[in-house]
């Protein structure tokens, strides 16, 4: 039992030592600049819908600027 426990402890210590050594040499490899991101060239699946006609939207915008409703009555 003691030999098994001792071998498990020795294996854990060896694994920890290898891990520390690997981390110590890692910054040299990660010091290189990462690859640049590729530009997203995908198109959106859907476009936003606008309700009403362009003529109606222009009329509403003009009425709003004048301070009246679409029929010309004061608000």
N, C-alpha and C. Protein backbone atom coordinates (compact mmCIF):
# COMPACT_ATOMS: atom_id res chain seq x y z
N UNK A 1 0.82 -1.20 0.00
CA UNK A 1 0.00 0.00 0.00
C UNK A 1 0.86 1.26 0.00
N UNK A 2 1.95 1.22 0.83
CA UNK A 2 2.83 2.39 0.90
C UNK A 2 3.57 2.60 -0.41
N UNK A 3 3.94 1.48 -1.07
CA UNK A 3 4.65 1.59 -2.35
C UNK A 3 3.73 2.18 -3.42
N UNK A 4 2.48 1.78 -3.42
CA UNK A 4 1.51 2.30 -4.38
C UNK A 4 1.28 3.78 -4.16
N UNK A 5 1.12 4.16 -2.92
CA UNK A 5 0.92 5.57 -2.59
C UNK A 5 2.15 6.40 -2.97
N UNK A 6 3.32 5.87 -2.72
CA UNK A 6 4.56 6.57 -3.05
C UNK A 6 4.70 6.74 -4.56
N UNK A 7 4.33 5.71 -5.32
CA UNK A 7 4.45 5.82 -6.77
C UNK A 7 3.43 6.80 -7.34
N UNK A 8 2.24 6.86 -6.74
CA UNK A 8 1.23 7.83 -7.19
C UNK A 8 1.70 9.25 -6.89
N UNK A 9 2.27 9.46 -5.72
CA UNK A 9 2.79 10.79 -5.37
C UNK A 9 3.93 11.18 -6.29
N UNK A 10 4.82 10.24 -6.60
CA UNK A 10 5.95 10.52 -7.49
C UNK A 10 5.46 10.86 -8.90
N UNK A 11 4.44 10.15 -9.36
CA UNK A 11 3.89 10.43 -10.69
C UNK A 11 3.23 11.80 -10.72
N UNK A 12 2.51 12.17 -9.66
CA UNK A 12 1.88 13.48 -9.59
C UNK A 12 2.92 14.59 -9.57
N UNK A 13 4.00 14.37 -8.82
CA UNK A 13 5.07 15.37 -8.77
C UNK A 13 5.75 15.53 -10.13
N UNK A 14 5.98 14.41 -10.82
CA UNK A 14 6.60 14.47 -12.14
C UNK A 14 5.69 15.19 -13.13
N UNK A 15 4.39 14.92 -13.05
CA UNK A 15 3.45 15.59 -13.95
C UNK A 15 3.41 17.10 -13.68
N UNK A 16 3.45 17.47 -12.41
CA UNK A 16 3.45 18.89 -12.06
C UNK A 16 4.73 19.57 -12.56
N UNK A 17 5.85 18.89 -12.45
CA UNK A 17 7.12 19.45 -12.92
C UNK A 17 7.09 19.67 -14.43
N UNK A 18 6.58 18.69 -15.16
CA UNK A 18 6.48 18.81 -16.62
C UNK A 18 5.54 19.95 -16.98
N UNK A 19 4.45 20.10 -16.25
CA UNK A 19 3.49 21.16 -16.52
C UNK A 19 4.12 22.54 -16.31
N UNK A 20 4.86 22.70 -15.22
CA UNK A 20 5.54 23.98 -14.95
C UNK A 20 6.56 24.27 -16.02
N UNK A 21 7.32 23.26 -16.44
CA UNK A 21 8.32 23.46 -17.49
C UNK A 21 7.67 23.86 -18.81
N UNK A 22 6.53 23.25 -19.13
CA UNK A 22 5.83 23.58 -20.38
C UNK A 22 5.29 25.00 -20.34
N UNK A 23 4.80 25.44 -19.19
CA UNK A 23 4.29 26.81 -19.08
C UNK A 23 5.42 27.82 -19.14
N UNK A 24 6.59 27.46 -18.66
CA UNK A 24 7.73 28.38 -18.67
C UNK A 24 8.21 28.62 -20.10
N UNK A 25 8.10 27.64 -20.96
CA UNK A 25 8.57 27.81 -22.34
C UNK A 25 7.46 28.28 -23.27
N UNK A 26 6.22 28.36 -22.81
CA UNK A 26 5.08 28.74 -23.66
C UNK A 26 5.11 30.21 -24.08
N UNK A 27 5.50 31.19 -23.24
CA UNK A 27 5.45 32.58 -23.68
C UNK A 27 6.27 32.88 -24.93
N UNK A 28 7.33 32.14 -25.15
CA UNK A 28 8.13 32.35 -26.35
C UNK A 28 7.30 32.01 -27.61
N UNK A 29 6.53 30.96 -27.54
CA UNK A 29 5.73 30.55 -28.68
C UNK A 29 4.53 31.47 -28.87
N UNK A 30 3.95 31.97 -27.78
CA UNK A 30 2.76 32.81 -27.91
C UNK A 30 3.11 34.28 -28.12
N UNK A 31 4.40 34.63 -28.14
CA UNK A 31 4.80 36.02 -28.34
C UNK A 31 4.55 36.47 -29.78
N UNK A 32 4.43 35.53 -30.70
CA UNK A 32 4.17 35.89 -32.10
C UNK A 32 2.79 36.52 -32.22
N UNK A 33 2.65 37.45 -33.15
CA UNK A 33 1.37 38.13 -33.33
C UNK A 33 0.32 37.16 -33.85
N UNK A 34 -0.90 37.24 -33.34
CA UNK A 34 -1.94 36.35 -33.85
C UNK A 34 -2.33 36.72 -35.28
N UNK A 35 -2.87 35.77 -35.98
CA UNK A 35 -3.28 36.00 -37.36
C UNK A 35 -4.42 37.02 -37.39
N UNK A 36 -4.42 37.93 -38.37
CA UNK A 36 -5.49 38.93 -38.44
C UNK A 36 -6.84 38.28 -38.74
N UNK A 37 -7.90 38.89 -38.24
CA UNK A 37 -9.24 38.37 -38.47
C UNK A 37 -9.63 38.61 -39.93
N UNK A 38 -10.36 37.68 -40.51
CA UNK A 38 -10.86 37.85 -41.87
C UNK A 38 -12.08 38.76 -41.85
N UNK A 39 -12.21 39.56 -42.89
CA UNK A 39 -13.36 40.45 -43.00
C UNK A 39 -14.61 39.61 -43.25
N UNK A 40 -15.71 40.01 -42.64
CA UNK A 40 -16.97 39.29 -42.81
C UNK A 40 -17.62 39.77 -44.10
N UNK A 41 -17.66 38.89 -45.09
CA UNK A 41 -18.23 39.24 -46.40
C UNK A 41 -19.63 38.67 -46.59
N UNK A 42 -20.18 38.09 -45.53
CA UNK A 42 -21.50 37.48 -45.66
C UNK A 42 -22.58 38.56 -45.72
N UNK A 43 -23.63 38.26 -46.43
CA UNK A 43 -24.74 39.19 -46.57
C UNK A 43 -25.80 38.87 -45.52
N UNK A 44 -26.52 39.87 -45.02
CA UNK A 44 -27.58 39.56 -44.07
C UNK A 44 -28.68 38.76 -44.74
N UNK A 45 -29.31 37.88 -43.97
CA UNK A 45 -30.35 37.03 -44.54
C UNK A 45 -31.62 37.81 -44.88
N UNK A 46 -31.92 38.80 -44.05
CA UNK A 46 -33.16 39.54 -44.24
C UNK A 46 -32.89 41.03 -44.19
N UNK A 47 -33.67 41.78 -44.92
CA UNK A 47 -33.57 43.23 -44.84
C UNK A 47 -34.78 43.75 -44.07
N UNK A 48 -34.62 44.88 -43.42
CA UNK A 48 -35.72 45.45 -42.67
C UNK A 48 -36.79 45.96 -43.63
N UNK A 49 -38.02 45.72 -43.27
CA UNK A 49 -39.12 46.17 -44.12
C UNK A 49 -39.54 47.58 -43.71
N UNK A 50 -39.88 48.38 -44.70
CA UNK A 50 -40.43 49.71 -44.42
C UNK A 50 -41.89 49.69 -44.84
N UNK A 51 -42.74 50.26 -44.01
CA UNK A 51 -44.16 50.25 -44.28
C UNK A 51 -44.56 51.56 -44.93
N UNK A 52 -45.44 51.49 -45.90
CA UNK A 52 -45.91 52.68 -46.59
C UNK A 52 -45.07 52.97 -47.82
N UNK A 53 -45.55 53.91 -48.60
CA UNK A 53 -44.85 54.29 -49.82
C UNK A 53 -43.90 55.44 -49.55
N UNK A 54 -43.00 55.67 -50.47
CA UNK A 54 -42.07 56.79 -50.32
C UNK A 54 -42.82 58.12 -50.37
N UNK A 55 -43.85 58.15 -51.20
CA UNK A 55 -44.65 59.38 -51.31
C UNK A 55 -45.35 59.67 -49.98
N UNK A 56 -45.90 58.62 -49.36
CA UNK A 56 -46.59 58.79 -48.09
C UNK A 56 -45.62 59.18 -46.97
N UNK A 57 -44.41 58.61 -46.98
CA UNK A 57 -43.43 58.96 -45.97
C UNK A 57 -42.96 60.41 -46.13
N UNK A 58 -42.81 60.85 -47.38
CA UNK A 58 -42.41 62.23 -47.63
C UNK A 58 -43.50 63.19 -47.16
N UNK A 59 -44.76 62.82 -47.40
CA UNK A 59 -45.90 63.65 -46.98
C UNK A 59 -45.95 63.75 -45.46
N UNK A 60 -45.74 62.63 -44.77
CA UNK A 60 -45.76 62.62 -43.32
C UNK A 60 -44.61 63.44 -42.75
N UNK A 61 -43.43 63.35 -43.36
CA UNK A 61 -42.29 64.12 -42.88
C UNK A 61 -42.52 65.61 -43.07
N UNK A 62 -43.11 66.00 -44.20
CA UNK A 62 -43.40 67.42 -44.45
C UNK A 62 -44.45 67.93 -43.48
N UNK A 63 -45.46 67.12 -43.21
CA UNK A 63 -46.51 67.53 -42.28
C UNK A 63 -45.96 67.65 -40.87
N UNK A 64 -45.06 66.75 -40.51
CA UNK A 64 -44.46 66.80 -39.18
C UNK A 64 -43.61 68.06 -39.03
N UNK A 65 -42.87 68.41 -40.07
CA UNK A 65 -42.04 69.61 -40.02
C UNK A 65 -42.91 70.87 -39.94
N UNK A 66 -44.09 70.83 -40.55
CA UNK A 66 -44.98 71.99 -40.54
C UNK A 66 -45.81 72.05 -39.26
N UNK A 67 -45.80 70.99 -38.48
CA UNK A 67 -46.57 70.97 -37.24
C UNK A 67 -48.01 70.60 -37.43
N UNK A 68 -48.34 69.92 -38.50
CA UNK A 68 -49.71 69.48 -38.77
C UNK A 68 -49.74 67.97 -38.93
N UNK A 69 -50.95 67.41 -39.01
CA UNK A 69 -51.04 65.98 -39.29
C UNK A 69 -51.05 65.80 -40.80
N UNK A 70 -51.18 64.56 -41.27
CA UNK A 70 -51.12 64.28 -42.71
C UNK A 70 -52.24 64.95 -43.48
N UNK A 71 -53.35 65.27 -42.83
CA UNK A 71 -54.48 65.90 -43.53
C UNK A 71 -54.34 67.42 -43.57
N UNK A 72 -53.40 67.98 -42.86
CA UNK A 72 -53.20 69.43 -42.87
C UNK A 72 -53.77 70.14 -41.67
N UNK A 73 -54.44 69.42 -40.78
CA UNK A 73 -55.02 70.05 -39.59
C UNK A 73 -53.93 70.25 -38.54
N UNK A 74 -54.04 71.33 -37.78
CA UNK A 74 -53.07 71.62 -36.74
C UNK A 74 -53.11 70.55 -35.66
N UNK A 75 -51.99 70.27 -35.10
CA UNK A 75 -51.95 69.24 -34.05
C UNK A 75 -52.14 69.85 -32.70
